Amino acid sequence: MFELRNENEIWYKSEDMIDWIHYGLLNIVESLDDFKYIIKIFDFETESYQPDLSVETYEINGETVVVTNGIFEYIPEPLPTPEPTQLDRIEEAITKTQEEIRQEAIDSYTIQLIEEGLL
C-alpha cells in the first residue's frame, strides 16, 4: 500500500511489514540521454511513475526550461578551468621525469643565449 505524506513523499507498507518505508518523491526527474530529461509523477492507481504531462516549465540550476510532454533538454554551462595552485605546480614538477627536466633546462638556456645574441 502506498501513501502520500508531506505533500510530496511516497511511503510504502505491505501487510507483512512492521512499519512504513520511504519509497520516493511524488515527482522525479530521470535522464533519457546526455542532455534530455523526463519529469515523472507517481500514479497511485498503477503504483508506478508515469510522465507528468501537466508540467510546462522546470527550474534547473537557476534556469527555467520549457517542458513538452514531460520532456525537457538542458545543456549546462561548462565550468571554468581553475588556475593551478602553487601545490599543483609543485606536484607537476615532481612527477616529471629527469629527462623532461633536463630538456626544459636545455631549451630555456638555448632561448636565453639566442636572446642575448650569443647564439
PDB file of N, CA and C in Angstrom:
ATOM      1  N   MET A   1       0.843  -1.155   0.000  1.00  0.00           N
ATOM      2  CA  MET A   1       0.000   0.000   0.000  1.00  0.00           C
ATOM      3  C   MET A   1       0.905   1.240   0.000  1.00  0.00           C
ATOM      4  N   PHE A   2       0.536   2.211  -0.822  1.00  0.00           N
ATOM      5  CA  PHE A   2       1.282   3.456  -0.902  1.00  0.00           C
ATOM      6  C   PHE A   2       0.490   4.580  -0.249  1.00  0.00           C
ATOM      7  N   GLU A   3       1.231   5.555   0.268  1.00  0.00           N
ATOM      8  CA  GLU A   3       0.606   6.679   0.948  1.00  0.00           C
ATOM      9  C   GLU A   3       1.413   7.938   0.653  1.00  0.00           C
ATOM     10  N   LEU A   4       0.710   9.067   0.473  1.00  0.00           N
ATOM     11  CA  LEU A   4       1.362  10.357   0.253  1.00  0.00           C
ATOM     12  C   LEU A   4       1.460  11.088   1.584  1.00  0.00           C
ATOM     13  N   ARG A   5       2.672  11.546   1.906  1.00  0.00           N
ATOM     14  CA  ARG A   5       2.896  12.315   3.137  1.00  0.00           C
ATOM     15  C   ARG A   5       3.663  13.592   2.797  1.00  0.00           C
ATOM     16  N   ASN A   6       3.458  14.611   3.603  1.00  0.00           N
ATOM     17  CA  ASN A   6       4.187  15.885   3.462  1.00  0.00           C
ATOM     18  C   ASN A   6       4.100  16.463   2.051  1.00  0.00           C
ATOM     19  N   GLU A   7       2.998  16.264   1.387  1.00  0.00           N
ATOM     20  CA  GLU A   7       2.686  16.800   0.060  1.00  0.00           C
ATOM     21  C   GLU A   7       3.512  16.226  -1.088  1.00  0.00           C
ATOM     22  N   ASN A   8       4.680  15.608  -0.817  1.00  0.00           N
ATOM     23  CA  ASN A   8       5.488  15.117  -1.939  1.00  0.00           C
ATOM     24  C   ASN A   8       6.273  13.844  -1.642  1.00  0.00           C
ATOM     25  N   GLU A   9       6.024  13.192  -0.515  1.00  0.00           N
ATOM     26  CA  GLU A   9       6.760  11.972  -0.181  1.00  0.00           C
ATOM     27  C   GLU A   9       5.852  10.757  -0.333  1.00  0.00           C
ATOM     28  N   ILE A  10       6.354   9.728  -0.998  1.00  0.00           N
ATOM     29  CA  ILE A  10       5.632   8.479  -1.166  1.00  0.00           C
ATOM     30  C   ILE A  10       6.180   7.484  -0.141  1.00  0.00           C
ATOM     31  N   TRP A  11       5.280   6.902   0.634  1.00  0.00           N
ATOM     32  CA  TRP A  11       5.647   5.901   1.637  1.00  0.00           C
ATOM     33  C   TRP A  11       4.967   4.592   1.283  1.00  0.00           C
ATOM     34  N   TYR A  12       5.628   3.468   1.627  1.00  0.00           N
ATOM     35  CA  TYR A  12       5.106   2.150   1.271  1.00  0.00           C
ATOM     36  C   TYR A  12       5.104   1.233   2.488  1.00  0.00           C
ATOM     37  N   LYS A  13       4.053   0.387   2.535  1.00  0.00           N
ATOM     38  CA  LYS A  13       3.985  -0.624   3.585  1.00  0.00           C
ATOM     39  C   LYS A  13       3.160  -1.792   3.063  1.00  0.00           C
ATOM     40  N   SER A  14       3.729  -2.992   3.129  1.00  0.00           N
ATOM     41  CA  SER A  14       2.970  -4.191   2.776  1.00  0.00           C
ATOM     42  C   SER A  14       2.391  -4.791   4.056  1.00  0.00           C
ATOM     43  N   GLU A  15       1.515  -5.768   3.911  1.00  0.00           N
ATOM     44  CA  GLU A  15       0.842  -6.364   5.067  1.00  0.00           C
ATOM     45  C   GLU A  15       1.823  -7.000   6.050  1.00  0.00           C
ATOM     46  N   ASP A  16       2.907  -7.587   5.536  1.00  0.00           N
ATOM     47  CA  ASP A  16       3.849  -8.277   6.427  1.00  0.00           C
ATOM     48  C   ASP A  16       4.934  -7.361   6.996  1.00  0.00           C
ATOM     49  N   MET A  17       4.898  -6.075   6.640  1.00  0.00           N
ATOM     50  CA  MET A  17       5.900  -5.135   7.149  1.00  0.00           C
ATOM     51  C   MET A  17       5.439  -4.532   8.477  1.00  0.00           C
ATOM     52  N   ILE A  18       6.384  -4.255   9.341  1.00  0.00           N
ATOM     53  CA  ILE A  18       6.094  -3.675  10.648  1.00  0.00           C
ATOM     54  C   ILE A  18       5.791  -2.186  10.539  1.00  0.00           C
ATOM     55  N   ASP A  19       6.579  -1.482   9.717  1.00  0.00           N
ATOM     56  CA  ASP A  19       6.434  -0.029   9.640  1.00  0.00           C
ATOM     57  C   ASP A  19       6.557   0.425   8.192  1.00  0.00           C
ATOM     58  N   TRP A  20       6.179   1.658   7.955  1.00  0.00           N
ATOM     59  CA  TRP A  20       6.261   2.268   6.629  1.00  0.00           C
ATOM     60  C   TRP A  20       7.720   2.563   6.272  1.00  0.00           C
ATOM     61  N   ILE A  21       8.034   2.498   4.978  1.00  0.00           N
ATOM     62  CA  ILE A  21       9.356   2.905   4.489  1.00  0.00           C
ATOM     63  C   ILE A  21       9.169   4.007   3.449  1.00  0.00           C
ATOM     64  N   HIS A  22      10.164   4.862   3.370  1.00  0.00           N
ATOM     65  CA  HIS A  22      10.130   5.940   2.380  1.00  0.00           C
ATOM     66  C   HIS A  22      10.416   5.339   1.014  1.00  0.00           C
ATOM     67  N   TYR A  23       9.478   5.491   0.085  1.00  0.00           N
ATOM     68  CA  TYR A  23       9.602   4.894  -1.252  1.00  0.00           C
ATOM     69  C   TYR A  23      10.245   5.872  -2.230  1.00  0.00           C
ATOM     70  N   GLY A  24       9.914   7.143  -2.130  1.00  0.00           N
ATOM     71  CA  GLY A  24      10.449   8.144  -3.053  1.00  0.00           C
ATOM     72  C   GLY A  24       9.636   9.418  -2.973  1.00  0.00           C
ATOM     73  N   LEU A  25       9.830  10.265  -3.976  1.00  0.00           N
ATOM     74  CA  LEU A  25       9.111  11.532  -4.039  1.00  0.00           C
ATOM     75  C   LEU A  25       7.972  11.440  -5.044  1.00  0.00           C
ATOM     76  N   LEU A  26       7.006  12.330  -4.908  1.00  0.00           N
ATOM     77  CA  LEU A  26       5.860  12.340  -5.811  1.00  0.00           C
ATOM     78  C   LEU A  26       6.312  12.613  -7.242  1.00  0.00           C
ATOM     79  N   ASN A  27       7.193  13.591  -7.413  1.00  0.00           N
ATOM     80  CA  ASN A  27       7.739  13.918  -8.733  1.00  0.00           C
ATOM     81  C   ASN A  27       9.223  13.602  -8.760  1.00  0.00           C
ATOM     82  N   ILE A  28       9.675  13.009  -9.863  1.00  0.00           N
ATOM     83  CA  ILE A  28      11.097  12.738 -10.050  1.00  0.00           C
ATOM     84  C   ILE A  28      11.509  13.189 -11.447  1.00  0.00           C
ATOM     85  N   VAL A  29      12.803  13.359 -11.638  1.00  0.00           N
ATOM     86  CA  VAL A  29      13.356  13.688 -12.955  1.00  0.00           C
ATOM     87  C   VAL A  29      14.358  12.598 -13.295  1.00  0.00           C
ATOM     88  N   GLU A  30      14.180  11.980 -14.470  1.00  0.00           N
ATOM     89  CA  GLU A  30      15.084  10.930 -14.926  1.00  0.00           C
ATOM     90  C   GLU A  30      15.795  11.383 -16.189  1.00  0.00           C
ATOM     91  N   SER A  31      17.024  10.939 -16.345  1.00  0.00           N
ATOM     92  CA  SER A  31      17.800  11.249 -17.537  1.00  0.00           C
ATOM     93  C   SER A  31      17.439  10.270 -18.653  1.00  0.00           C
ATOM     94  N   LEU A  32      17.169  10.811 -19.839  1.00  0.00           N
ATOM     95  CA  LEU A  32      16.913   9.968 -21.007  1.00  0.00           C
ATOM     96  C   LEU A  32      18.193   9.759 -21.804  1.00  0.00           C
ATOM     97  N   ASP A  33      18.996  10.791 -21.907  1.00  0.00           N
ATOM     98  CA  ASP A  33      20.331  10.716 -22.513  1.00  0.00           C
ATOM     99  C   ASP A  33      21.152  11.860 -21.943  1.00  0.00           C
ATOM    100  N   ASP A  34      22.231  12.247 -22.588  1.00  0.00           N
ATOM    101  CA  ASP A  34      23.150  13.227 -22.025  1.00  0.00           C
ATOM    102  C   ASP A  34      22.482  14.533 -21.599  1.00  0.00           C
ATOM    103  N   PHE A  35      21.598  15.085 -22.419  1.00  0.00           N
ATOM    104  CA  PHE A  35      21.022  16.393 -22.124  1.00  0.00           C
ATOM    105  C   PHE A  35      19.501  16.400 -22.139  1.00  0.00           C
ATOM    106  N   LYS A  36      18.871  15.252 -22.227  1.00  0.00           N
ATOM    107  CA  LYS A  36      17.413  15.161 -22.282  1.00  0.00           C
ATOM    108  C   LYS A  36      16.898  14.470 -21.020  1.00  0.00           C
ATOM    109  N   TYR A  37      15.851  15.053 -20.428  1.00  0.00           N
ATOM    110  CA  TYR A  37      15.312  14.560 -19.164  1.00  0.00           C
ATOM    111  C   TYR A  37      13.797  14.429 -19.262  1.00  0.00           C
ATOM    112  N   ILE A  38      13.230  13.575 -18.404  1.00  0.00           N
ATOM    113  CA  ILE A  38      11.782  13.417 -18.332  1.00  0.00           C
ATOM    114  C   ILE A  38      11.334  13.600 -16.886  1.00  0.00           C
ATOM    115  N   ILE A  39      10.240  14.343 -16.718  1.00  0.00           N
ATOM    116  CA  ILE A  39       9.660  14.547 -15.400  1.00  0.00           C
ATOM    117  C   ILE A  39       8.539  13.524 -15.237  1.00  0.00           C
ATOM    118  N   LYS A  40       8.576  12.800 -14.116  1.00  0.00           N
ATOM    119  CA  LYS A  40       7.562  11.781 -13.868  1.00  0.00           C
ATOM    120  C   LYS A  40       6.852  12.052 -12.544  1.00  0.00           C
ATOM    121  N   ILE A  41       5.617  11.573 -12.460  1.00  0.00           N
ATOM    122  CA  ILE A  41       4.816  11.690 -11.250  1.00  0.00           C
ATOM    123  C   ILE A  41       4.344  10.292 -10.868  1.00  0.00           C
ATOM    124  N   PHE A  42       4.253  10.042  -9.579  1.00  0.00           N
ATOM    125  CA  PHE A  42       3.830   8.725  -9.111  1.00  0.00           C
ATOM    126  C   PHE A  42       2.327   8.584  -9.289  1.00  0.00           C
ATOM    127  N   ASP A  43       1.912   7.502  -9.927  1.00  0.00           N
ATOM    128  CA  ASP A  43       0.497   7.197 -10.151  1.00  0.00           C
ATOM    129  C   ASP A  43       0.078   6.138  -9.137  1.00  0.00           C
ATOM    130  N   PHE A  44      -0.824   6.503  -8.234  1.00  0.00           N
ATOM    131  CA  PHE A  44      -1.244   5.587  -7.173  1.00  0.00           C
ATOM    132  C   PHE A  44      -2.086   4.429  -7.706  1.00  0.00           C
ATOM    133  N   GLU A  45      -2.721   4.605  -8.858  1.00  0.00           N
ATOM    134  CA  GLU A  45      -3.520   3.515  -9.432  1.00  0.00           C
ATOM    135  C   GLU A  45      -2.629   2.417 -10.004  1.00  0.00           C
ATOM    136  N   THR A  46      -1.617   2.801 -10.746  1.00  0.00           N
ATOM    137  CA  THR A  46      -0.716   1.807 -11.347  1.00  0.00           C
ATOM    138  C   THR A  46       0.462   1.478 -10.447  1.00  0.00           C
ATOM    139  N   GLU A  47       0.635   2.271  -9.384  1.00  0.00           N
ATOM    140  CA  GLU A  47       1.748   2.124  -8.441  1.00  0.00           C
ATOM    141  C   GLU A  47       3.106   2.179  -9.152  1.00  0.00           C
ATOM    142  N   SER A  48       3.202   3.125 -10.073  1.00  0.00           N
ATOM    143  CA  SER A  48       4.455   3.325 -10.802  1.00  0.00           C
ATOM    144  C   SER A  48       4.543   4.788 -11.241  1.00  0.00           C
ATOM    145  N   TYR A  49       5.731   5.190 -11.666  1.00  0.00           N
ATOM    146  CA  TYR A  49       5.934   6.552 -12.152  1.00  0.00           C
ATOM    147  C   TYR A  49       5.543   6.638 -13.624  1.00  0.00           C
ATOM    148  N   GLN A  50       4.818   7.708 -13.947  1.00  0.00           N
ATOM    149  CA  GLN A  50       4.373   7.969 -15.312  1.00  0.00           C
ATOM    150  C   GLN A  50       4.830   9.369 -15.706  1.00  0.00           C
ATOM    151  N   PRO A  51       5.009   9.642 -17.015  1.00  0.00           N
ATOM    152  CA  PRO A  51       5.374  11.003 -17.420  1.00  0.00           C
ATOM    153  C   PRO A  51       4.350  12.013 -16.919  1.00  0.00           C
ATOM    154  N   ASP A  52       4.847  13.127 -16.401  1.00  0.00           N
ATOM    155  CA  ASP A  52       3.976  14.186 -15.896  1.00  0.00           C
ATOM    156  C   ASP A  52       3.732  15.185 -17.022  1.00  0.00           C
ATOM    157  N   LEU A  53       2.585  15.073 -17.658  1.00  0.00           N
ATOM    158  CA  LEU A  53       2.253  15.913 -18.805  1.00  0.00           C
ATOM    159  C   LEU A  53       1.740  17.287 -18.400  1.00  0.00           C
ATOM    160  N   SER A  54       1.536  17.525 -17.116  1.00  0.00           N
ATOM    161  CA  SER A  54       0.996  18.801 -16.656  1.00  0.00           C
ATOM    162  C   SER A  54       2.068  19.873 -16.461  1.00  0.00           C
ATOM    163  N   VAL A  55       3.331  19.481 -16.417  1.00  0.00           N
ATOM    164  CA  VAL A  55       4.407  20.448 -16.173  1.00  0.00           C
ATOM    165  C   VAL A  55       4.750  21.180 -17.472  1.00  0.00           C
ATOM    166  N   GLU A  56       4.779  22.515 -17.403  1.00  0.00           N
ATOM    167  CA  GLU A  56       5.093  23.325 -18.578  1.00  0.00           C
ATOM    168  C   GLU A  56       6.496  23.915 -18.522  1.00  0.00           C
ATOM    169  N   THR A  57       6.982  24.210 -17.301  1.00  0.00           N
ATOM    170  CA  THR A  57       8.340  24.722 -17.132  1.00  0.00           C
ATOM    171  C   THR A  57       8.975  24.024 -15.943  1.00  0.00           C
ATOM    172  N   TYR A  58      10.296  24.005 -15.957  1.00  0.00           N
ATOM    173  CA  TYR A  58      11.035  23.363 -14.868  1.00  0.00           C
ATOM    174  C   TYR A  58      12.277  24.204 -14.595  1.00  0.00           C
ATOM    175  N   GLU A  59      12.594  24.391 -13.321  1.00  0.00           N
ATOM    176  CA  GLU A  59      13.779  25.167 -12.965  1.00  0.00           C
ATOM    177  C   GLU A  59      14.915  24.221 -12.596  1.00  0.00           C
ATOM    178  N   ILE A  60      16.040  24.396 -13.266  1.00  0.00           N
ATOM    179  CA  ILE A  60      17.218  23.568 -13.013  1.00  0.00           C
ATOM    180  C   ILE A  60      18.445  24.467 -12.972  1.00  0.00           C
ATOM    181  N   ASN A  61      19.198  24.386 -11.880  1.00  0.00           N
ATOM    182  CA  ASN A  61      20.404  25.197 -11.687  1.00  0.00           C
ATOM    183  C   ASN A  61      20.151  26.688 -11.932  1.00  0.00           C
ATOM    184  N   GLY A  62      19.004  27.177 -11.470  1.00  0.00           N
ATOM    185  CA  GLY A  62      18.691  28.597 -11.593  1.00  0.00           C
ATOM    186  C   GLY A  62      18.155  29.003 -12.954  1.00  0.00           C
ATOM    187  N   GLU A  63      18.017  28.065 -13.885  1.00  0.00           N
ATOM    188  CA  GLU A  63      17.495  28.366 -15.215  1.00  0.00           C
ATOM    189  C   GLU A  63      16.124  27.733 -15.368  1.00  0.00           C
ATOM    190  N   THR A  64      15.211  28.438 -16.029  1.00  0.00           N
ATOM    191  CA  THR A  64      13.887  27.902 -16.307  1.00  0.00           C
ATOM    192  C   THR A  64      13.880  27.369 -17.733  1.00  0.00           C
ATOM    193  N   VAL A  65      13.486  26.098 -17.889  1.00  0.00           N
ATOM    194  CA  VAL A  65      13.432  25.480 -19.209  1.00  0.00           C
ATOM    195  C   VAL A  65      11.996  25.090 -19.530  1.00  0.00           C
ATOM    196  N   VAL A  66      11.678  25.034 -20.812  1.00  0.00           N
ATOM    197  CA  VAL A  66      10.342  24.671 -21.274  1.00  0.00           C
ATOM    198  C   VAL A  66      10.233  23.149 -21.302  1.00  0.00           C
ATOM    199  N   VAL A  67       9.097  22.644 -20.807  1.00  0.00           N
ATOM    200  CA  VAL A  67       8.848  21.203 -20.766  1.00  0.00           C
ATOM    201  C   VAL A  67       7.733  20.884 -21.759  1.00  0.00           C
ATOM    202  N   THR A  68       7.960  19.893 -22.623  1.00  0.00           N
ATOM    203  CA  THR A  68       6.965  19.455 -23.588  1.00  0.00           C
ATOM    204  C   THR A  68       6.711  17.971 -23.394  1.00  0.00           C
ATOM    205  N   ASN A  69       5.482  17.619 -23.089  1.00  0.00           N
ATOM    206  CA  ASN A  69       5.094  16.223 -22.832  1.00  0.00           C
ATOM    207  C   ASN A  69       5.962  15.579 -21.757  1.00  0.00           C
ATOM    208  N   GLY A  70       6.321  16.369 -20.748  1.00  0.00           N
ATOM    209  CA  GLY A  70       7.115  15.859 -19.636  1.00  0.00           C
ATOM    210  C   GLY A  70       8.604  15.809 -19.909  1.00  0.00           C
ATOM    211  N   ILE A  71       9.032  16.202 -21.104  1.00  0.00           N
ATOM    212  CA  ILE A  71      10.442  16.088 -21.503  1.00  0.00           C
ATOM    213  C   ILE A  71      11.042  17.481 -21.701  1.00  0.00           C
ATOM    214  N   PHE A  72      12.288  17.644 -21.251  1.00  0.00           N
ATOM    215  CA  PHE A  72      12.997  18.894 -21.496  1.00  0.00           C
ATOM    216  C   PHE A  72      14.469  18.603 -21.757  1.00  0.00           C
ATOM    217  N   GLU A  73      15.120  19.565 -22.395  1.00  0.00           N
ATOM    218  CA  GLU A  73      16.557  19.465 -22.654  1.00  0.00           C
ATOM    219  C   GLU A  73      17.266  20.539 -21.839  1.00  0.00           C
ATOM    220  N   TYR A  74      18.418  20.169 -21.312  1.00  0.00           N
ATOM    221  CA  TYR A  74      19.219  21.119 -20.545  1.00  0.00           C
ATOM    222  C   TYR A  74      20.691  20.825 -20.786  1.00  0.00           C
ATOM    223  N   ILE A  75      21.391  21.821 -21.311  1.00  0.00           N
ATOM    224  CA  ILE A  75      22.839  21.713 -21.521  1.00  0.00           C
ATOM    225  C   ILE A  75      23.493  22.688 -20.554  1.00  0.00           C
ATOM    226  N   PRO A  76      24.171  22.169 -19.527  1.00  0.00           N
ATOM    227  CA  PRO A  76      24.778  23.068 -18.534  1.00  0.00           C
ATOM    228  C   PRO A  76      25.967  23.822 -19.112  1.00  0.00           C
ATOM    229  N   GLU A  77      26.199  25.001 -18.555  1.00  0.00           N
ATOM    230  CA  GLU A  77      27.379  25.783 -18.923  1.00  0.00           C
ATOM    231  C   GLU A  77      28.619  25.034 -18.442  1.00  0.00           C
ATOM    232  N   PRO A  78      29.669  24.963 -19.253  1.00  0.00           N
ATOM    233  CA  PRO A  78      30.882  24.291 -18.768  1.00  0.00           C
ATOM    234  C   PRO A  78      31.505  25.081 -17.618  1.00  0.00           C
ATOM    235  N   LEU A  79      32.019  24.363 -16.658  1.00  0.00           N
ATOM    236  CA  LEU A  79      32.666  25.004 -15.518  1.00  0.00           C
ATOM    237  C   LEU A  79      34.007  25.574 -15.944  1.00  0.00           C
ATOM    238  N   PRO A  80      34.370  26.753 -15.437  1.00  0.00           N
ATOM    239  CA  PRO A  80      35.668  27.323 -15.804  1.00  0.00           C
ATOM    240  C   PRO A  80      36.801  26.469 -15.230  1.00  0.00           C
ATOM    241  N   THR A  81      37.879  26.398 -15.981  1.00  0.00           N
ATOM    242  CA  THR A  81      39.043  25.659 -15.519  1.00  0.00           C
ATOM    243  C   THR A  81      39.758  26.501 -14.473  1.00  0.00           C
ATOM    244  N   PRO A  82      39.926  25.970 -13.282  1.00  0.00           N
ATOM    245  CA  PRO A  82      40.574  26.767 -12.239  1.00  0.00           C
ATOM    246  C   PRO A  82      42.066  26.940 -12.526  1.00  0.00           C
ATOM    247  N   GLU A  83      42.602  28.082 -12.091  1.00  0.00           N
ATOM    248  CA  GLU A  83      44.029  28.335 -12.221  1.00  0.00           C
ATOM    249  C   GLU A  83      44.784  27.347 -11.338  1.00  0.00           C
ATOM    250  N   PRO A  84      45.886  26.800 -11.836  1.00  0.00           N
ATOM    251  CA  PRO A  84      46.640  25.871 -10.987  1.00  0.00           C
ATOM    252  C   PRO A  84      47.233  26.591  -9.776  1.00  0.00           C
ATOM    253  N   THR A  85      47.202  25.935  -8.652  1.00  0.00           N
ATOM    254  CA  THR A  85      47.766  26.497  -7.435  1.00  0.00           C
ATOM    255  C   THR A  85      49.261  26.191  -7.378  1.00  0.00           C
ATOM    256  N   GLN A  86      49.931  26.782  -6.414  1.00  0.00           N
ATOM    257  CA  GLN A  86      51.358  26.506  -6.235  1.00  0.00           C
ATOM    258  C   GLN A  86      51.560  25.015  -5.967  1.00  0.00           C
ATOM    259  N   LEU A  87      50.672  24.414  -5.184  1.00  0.00           N
ATOM    260  CA  LEU A  87      50.761  22.987  -4.900  1.00  0.00           C
ATOM    261  C   LEU A  87      50.612  22.165  -6.180  1.00  0.00           C
ATOM    262  N   ASP A  88      49.692  22.568  -7.063  1.00  0.00           N
ATOM    263  CA  ASP A  88      49.539  21.871  -8.344  1.00  0.00           C
ATOM    264  C   ASP A  88      50.828  21.921  -9.153  1.00  0.00           C
ATOM    265  N   ARG A  89      51.462  23.099  -9.192  1.00  0.00           N
ATOM    266  CA  ARG A  89      52.709  23.236  -9.958  1.00  0.00           C
ATOM    267  C   ARG A  89      53.833  22.399  -9.343  1.00  0.00           C
ATOM    268  N   ILE A  90      53.890  22.343  -8.023  1.00  0.00           N
ATOM    269  CA  ILE A  90      54.913  21.530  -7.344  1.00  0.00           C
ATOM    270  C   ILE A  90      54.692  20.053  -7.646  1.00  0.00           C
ATOM    271  N   GLU A  91      53.443  19.595  -7.554  1.00  0.00           N
ATOM    272  CA  GLU A  91      53.141  18.193  -7.843  1.00  0.00           C
ATOM    273  C   GLU A  91      53.489  17.847  -9.284  1.00  0.00           C
ATOM    274  N   GLU A  92      53.203  18.757 -10.211  1.00  0.00           N
ATOM    275  CA  GLU A  92      53.522  18.524 -11.616  1.00  0.00           C
ATOM    276  C   GLU A  92      55.031  18.407 -11.815  1.00  0.00           C
ATOM    277  N   ALA A  93      55.785  19.277 -11.147  1.00  0.00           N
ATOM    278  CA  ALA A  93      57.244  19.239 -11.271  1.00  0.00           C
ATOM    279  C   ALA A  93      57.816  17.938 -10.707  1.00  0.00           C
ATOM    280  N   ILE A  94      57.239  17.461  -9.618  1.00  0.00           N
ATOM    281  CA  ILE A  94      57.733  16.225  -9.003  1.00  0.00           C
ATOM    282  C   ILE A  94      57.497  15.034  -9.918  1.00  0.00           C
ATOM    283  N   THR A  95      56.399  15.039 -10.627  1.00  0.00           N
ATOM    284  CA  THR A  95      56.057  13.889 -11.452  1.00  0.00           C
ATOM    285  C   THR A  95      56.802  13.858 -12.787  1.00  0.00           C
ATOM    286  N   LYS A  96      57.440  14.951 -13.158  1.00  0.00           N
ATOM    287  CA  LYS A  96      58.198  14.956 -14.409  1.00  0.00           C
ATOM    288  C   LYS A  96      59.426  14.050 -14.287  1.00  0.00           C
ATOM    289  N   THR A  97      59.770  13.450 -15.371  1.00  0.00           N
ATOM    290  CA  THR A  97      60.971  12.617 -15.362  1.00  0.00           C
ATOM    291  C   THR A  97      62.202  13.520 -15.443  1.00  0.00           C
ATOM    292  N   GLN A  98      63.340  12.983 -15.068  1.00  0.00           N
ATOM    293  CA  GLN A  98      64.574  13.765 -15.122  1.00  0.00           C
ATOM    294  C   GLN A  98      64.871  14.209 -16.553  1.00  0.00           C
ATOM    295  N   GLU A  99      64.536  13.385 -17.528  1.00  0.00           N
ATOM    296  CA  GLU A  99      64.802  13.747 -18.921  1.00  0.00           C
ATOM    297  C   GLU A  99      63.988  14.969 -19.332  1.00  0.00           C
ATOM    298  N   GLU A 100      62.723  15.032 -18.907  1.00  0.00           N
ATOM    299  CA  GLU A 100      61.900  16.192 -19.225  1.00  0.00           C
ATOM    300  C   GLU A 100      62.477  17.444 -18.590  1.00  0.00           C
ATOM    301  N   ILE A 101      62.924  17.348 -17.363  1.00  0.00           N
ATOM    302  CA  ILE A 101      63.506  18.499 -16.660  1.00  0.00           C
ATOM    303  C   ILE A 101      64.790  18.930 -17.370  1.00  0.00           C
ATOM    304  N   ARG A 102      65.633  17.975 -17.748  1.00  0.00           N
ATOM    305  CA  ARG A 102      66.884  18.273 -18.445  1.00  0.00           C
ATOM    306  C   ARG A 102      66.599  18.963 -19.780  1.00  0.00           C
ATOM    307  N   GLN A 103      65.601  18.446 -20.537  1.00  0.00           N
ATOM    308  CA  GLN A 103      65.285  19.020 -21.851  1.00  0.00           C
ATOM    309  C   GLN A 103      64.731  20.434 -21.701  1.00  0.00           C
ATOM    310  N   GLU A 104      63.900  20.682 -20.686  1.00  0.00           N
ATOM    311  CA  GLU A 104      63.385  22.028 -20.442  1.00  0.00           C
ATOM    312  C   GLU A 104      64.514  22.988 -20.090  1.00  0.00           C
ATOM    313  N   ALA A 105      65.484  22.536 -19.327  1.00  0.00           N
ATOM    314  CA  ALA A 105      66.624  23.379 -18.954  1.00  0.00           C
ATOM    315  C   ALA A 105      67.439  23.732 -20.194  1.00  0.00           C
ATOM    316  N   ILE A 106      67.674  22.752 -21.057  1.00  0.00           N
ATOM    317  CA  ILE A 106      68.440  22.993 -22.287  1.00  0.00           C
ATOM    318  C   ILE A 106      67.690  23.988 -23.168  1.00  0.00           C
ATOM    319  N   ASP A 107      66.373  23.767 -23.339  1.00  0.00           N
ATOM    320  CA  ASP A 107      65.575  24.669 -24.170  1.00  0.00           C
ATOM    321  C   ASP A 107      65.583  26.086 -23.603  1.00  0.00           C
ATOM    322  N   SER A 108      65.443  26.212 -22.307  1.00  0.00           N
ATOM    323  CA  SER A 108      65.429  27.517 -21.660  1.00  0.00           C
ATOM    324  C   SER A 108      66.779  28.221 -21.830  1.00  0.00           C
ATOM    325  N   TYR A 109      67.875  27.466 -21.667  1.00  0.00           N
ATOM    326  CA  TYR A 109      69.213  28.036 -21.796  1.00  0.00           C
ATOM    327  C   TYR A 109      69.473  28.449 -23.243  1.00  0.00           C
ATOM    328  N   THR A 110      69.008  27.649 -24.195  1.00  0.00           N
ATOM    329  CA  THR A 110      69.177  27.978 -25.613  1.00  0.00           C
ATOM    330  C   THR A 110      68.447  29.263 -25.947  1.00  0.00           C
ATOM    331  N   ILE A 111      67.221  29.413 -25.454  1.00  0.00           N
ATOM    332  CA  ILE A 111      66.455  30.639 -25.698  1.00  0.00           C
ATOM    333  C   ILE A 111      67.176  31.842 -25.091  1.00  0.00           C
ATOM    334  N   GLN A 112      67.734  31.663 -23.889  1.00  0.00           N
ATOM    335  CA  GLN A 112      68.449  32.746 -23.231  1.00  0.00           C
ATOM    336  C   GLN A 112      69.647  33.163 -24.076  1.00  0.00           C
ATOM    337  N   LEU A 113      70.414  32.194 -24.594  1.00  0.00           N
ATOM    338  CA  LEU A 113      71.593  32.501 -25.420  1.00  0.00           C
ATOM    339  C   LEU A 113      71.190  33.214 -26.704  1.00  0.00           C
ATOM    340  N   ILE A 114      70.065  32.808 -27.303  1.00  0.00           N
ATOM    341  CA  ILE A 114      69.595  33.450 -28.529  1.00  0.00           C
ATOM    342  C   ILE A 114      69.182  34.887 -28.232  1.00  0.00           C
ATOM    343  N   GLU A 115      68.484  35.106 -27.126  1.00  0.00           N
ATOM    344  CA  GLU A 115      68.036  36.455 -26.769  1.00  0.00           C
ATOM    345  C   GLU A 115      69.223  37.374 -26.468  1.00  0.00           C
ATOM    346  N   GLU A 116      70.290  36.813 -25.925  1.00  0.00           N
ATOM    347  CA  GLU A 116      71.475  37.624 -25.617  1.00  0.00           C
ATOM    348  C   GLU A 116      72.387  37.779 -26.839  1.00  0.00           C
ATOM    349  N   GLY A 117      72.043  37.163 -27.960  1.00  0.00           N
ATOM    350  CA  GLY A 117      72.813  37.290 -29.190  1.00  0.00           C
ATOM    351  C   GLY A 117      74.084  36.463 -29.184  1.00  0.00           C
ATOM    352  N   LEU A 118      74.190  35.529 -28.290  1.00  0.00           N
ATOM    353  CA  LEU A 118      75.381  34.701 -28.215  1.00  0.00           C
ATOM    354  C   LEU A 118      75.268  33.459 -29.077  1.00  0.00           C
ATOM    355  N   LEU A 119      74.128  33.219 -29.609  1.00  0.00           N
ATOM    356  CA  LEU A 119      73.940  32.018 -30.438  1.00  0.00           C
ATOM    357  C   LEU A 119      73.226  32.360 -31.701  1.00  0.00           C
TER     358      LEU A 119
END
